Amino acid sequence: MFRSATAFLVASCLLPTFTHAQDRVVYRIAVSGSVEVDLSDLIGSTLQAAAGEPGSIVVLDIGASGGRIDIAQLIVSHLQQATVPIYALINQNAWQAAALIALAADSIFVTAEASIGAGDPGKADQLELPATALRTIRQQFGALAARQGVDAAIGEAMVDHDVSVRGVVRRGELLTLDADAAVDVGLAAGHVVDWDDMLTVLKVIDPSVRLVRPGSAVATGTTVEIVNYHLSNVRVVLVRGGGVRYRLGIVTTNGSSSFEVSESILPAGATIQLVAEVIGGSDRVETEEIRVRPGLVIQWTIETRLSQSNLFHFVR
C-alpha cells in the first residue's frame, strides 16, 4: 500500500540531501524488458557523454524482469567507474540481472508498483551456476546492498536460497522486496509517485532530459553547423589547441552546411576554435575557445558584419 502524504514527508526528511541546480542535464536510461548485450554498450556510452556535461546526472529507469547476469556485471563495472551521480528509479520490476544493476546506483527510488530481487516467488529458483560463480555473484549482490546501507545478506538472499534474514526472508526462499519492504529495510531511499516526482525529490528544476533506450545512440563526435549571411562565400577551418588546422569546407553566401568531426580527431577535453575566412579577400572571423565534450553541437552564424557573428554550442 502506498504511504500517506504525511508518512512520505516524514520519510523524506531522512533521505540523503540532493541538490542539483536548475538547467541540469538528466540522462534517462530505459532499462526495460531484458538485460542484454546492447544495454551494456548503451550505458557505457551514455556515462561517457554525461561525464563531458558538467553537472549532469544519470537515472536508470528500470522495469526489467531478468536477462543476462554477465551483462549486468559489465554494466555494474561501468556504473562503478562513473564520475557522475547515478540514481535508479524502479517503476515496475527490477528482478535478477536488473536487480544487480539497480543496486549499483548511488540511491534507489521506487514507485508503488516496484519490486526488486529474485522475481516471482512461484517461478524463481537459485541461479543455475557452478558453485564458484554463484558465490561470486552472491558476494557482488551483498557488497552492493551493503553500499546502499543495509545488511549484505539482503542482497545475497536475492540469489542464494541458503541465505536467511530474520524478519525478511527464510532459508530456502529467494528474496523479492515490494516497494514498501524495500523502503522499510532501507534498500530504497524512498517512494516516489512517478518520474516527475523523483526529479522534485532530487531538487532538479527544469532539466534538459535526454531519453536513452536500446536502439538509440548517444553521439560522441562533434557536429559543426554553419549558416553564412555574409556577402561572400567563406572557408571554415577548425583549429585545435596547439595550432593544428582542419579544413571543414566552404559555405556559400546565404547558405548553410553541417560538418561531422569524429571523436578520434576531437577527443573530449580538447580545445578548439573555428575560423571563417572570406573567399577572395583577407577578412576573417574566429570564435572563442570551445572545450570539446561528447556529443557537442556547435552552431555558428556568420553575419554580413563579421564582428556580429553569433556562436552557440550545446551537448545533445
Foldseek 3Di string as FASTA:
>chain_A
DDDDPVVQVVLLVVFDAFAADEAAEEEEEEAEEEQDQLSLVQLLQVLQQQVLGPRYEYEYEDDYAYYDLVSLVSNLVSLVPGPHAYEYEFEAEQADSSLLNRLSHQAYEYEQRYKHAHHDQVPGDADPDPPVVLVVQLQSQLVSQVSLVAGSLLRSLRHALCGDDPPAGHRPTRGMGGNVRCVVRRSHSYYANDDVRVCVSNNYHNYRYHYHYRVDHFAFWEKEKEAAQAPAKKWKWKAWPVGDIDTQGIAGHRGMDMGIDGCVVPPAQIKIKMKIAGPPDGDIDMDDIDGGGGQKYKYWYQHNPRVPIDIDMDHD
